Amino acid sequence: MKSSRITIKDIARIAEVVPSTVSAVLNGKEKSARISSALSDKIK
């Protein structure tokens, strides 16, 4: 049985955003990418 990893694409699909938004949040670039704190919290 192969263990599956959670990917940025998986998180993006669940949060209903694009993968680049998830990447920006995970890398601490919310301010420069103009991502709201509510959306950032949803992704985290």
C-alpha atoms as a PDB file:
ATOM      1  CA  MET A   1       0.000   0.000   0.000  1.00  0.00           C
ATOM      2  CA  LYS A   2       1.394   3.379  -0.995  1.00  0.00           C
ATOM      3  CA  SER A   3       1.105   6.234   1.477  1.00  0.00           C
ATOM      4  CA  SER A   4      -0.176   9.429  -0.055  1.00  0.00           C
ATOM      5  CA  ARG A   5       1.140  12.894   0.641  1.00  0.00           C
ATOM      6  CA  ILE A   6      -0.885  16.053   0.826  1.00  0.00           C
ATOM      7  CA  THR A   7       0.194  18.409  -1.937  1.00  0.00           C
ATOM      8  CA  ILE A   8      -0.255  22.124  -2.545  1.00  0.00           C
ATOM      9  CA  LYS A   9      -2.767  21.178  -5.237  1.00  0.00           C
ATOM     10  CA  ASP A  10      -4.783  19.187  -2.674  1.00  0.00           C
ATOM     11  CA  ILE A  11      -4.861  22.121  -0.255  1.00  0.00           C
ATOM     12  CA  ALA A  12      -5.798  24.513  -3.069  1.00  0.00           C
ATOM     13  CA  ARG A  13      -8.678  22.299  -4.161  1.00  0.00           C
ATOM     14  CA  ILE A  14     -10.044  22.062  -0.594  1.00  0.00           C
ATOM     15  CA  ALA A  15      -9.641  25.809   0.070  1.00  0.00           C
ATOM     16  CA  GLU A  16     -11.047  26.660  -3.388  1.00  0.00           C
ATOM     17  CA  VAL A  17      -8.021  28.735  -4.413  1.00  0.00           C
ATOM     18  CA  VAL A  18      -5.221  28.360  -6.940  1.00  0.00           C
ATOM     19  CA  PRO A  19      -1.992  26.569  -5.950  1.00  0.00           C
ATOM     20  CA  SER A  20       0.056  29.782  -6.162  1.00  0.00           C
ATOM     21  CA  THR A  21      -2.073  31.285  -3.387  1.00  0.00           C
ATOM     22  CA  VAL A  22      -1.381  28.288  -1.150  1.00  0.00           C
ATOM     23  CA  SER A  23       2.320  28.552  -1.924  1.00  0.00           C
ATOM     24  CA  ALA A  24       2.391  32.250  -1.030  1.00  0.00           C
ATOM     25  CA  VAL A  25       0.698  31.591   2.315  1.00  0.00           C
ATOM     26  CA  LEU A  26       2.965  28.662   3.196  1.00  0.00           C
ATOM     27  CA  ASN A  27       6.035  30.754   2.335  1.00  0.00           C
ATOM     28  CA  GLY A  28       4.906  33.758   4.398  1.00  0.00           C
ATOM     29  CA  LYS A  29       4.274  36.039   1.408  1.00  0.00           C
ATOM     30  CA  GLU A  30       0.631  36.925   2.175  1.00  0.00           C
ATOM     31  CA  LYS A  31       1.248  40.679   2.341  1.00  0.00           C
ATOM     32  CA  SER A  32       3.130  40.981  -0.944  1.00  0.00           C
ATOM     33  CA  ALA A  33       0.619  38.698  -2.679  1.00  0.00           C
ATOM     34  CA  ARG A  34      -2.318  40.705  -1.252  1.00  0.00           C
ATOM     35  CA  ILE A  35      -3.947  37.732   0.437  1.00  0.00           C
ATOM     36  CA  SER A  36      -6.478  38.545   3.144  1.00  0.00           C
ATOM     37  CA  SER A  37      -5.893  37.311   6.671  1.00  0.00           C
ATOM     38  CA  ALA A  38      -9.205  35.416   6.527  1.00  0.00           C
ATOM     39  CA  LEU A  39      -8.099  33.505   3.427  1.00  0.00           C
ATOM     40  CA  SER A  40      -4.662  32.928   4.917  1.00  0.00           C
ATOM     41  CA  ASP A  41      -6.264  31.453   8.038  1.00  0.00           C
ATOM     42  CA  LYS A  42      -8.493  29.227   5.893  1.00  0.00           C
ATOM     43  CA  ILE A  43      -5.462  27.832   4.078  1.00  0.00           C
ATOM     44  CA  LYS A  44      -3.424  27.312   7.237  1.00  0.00           C
END
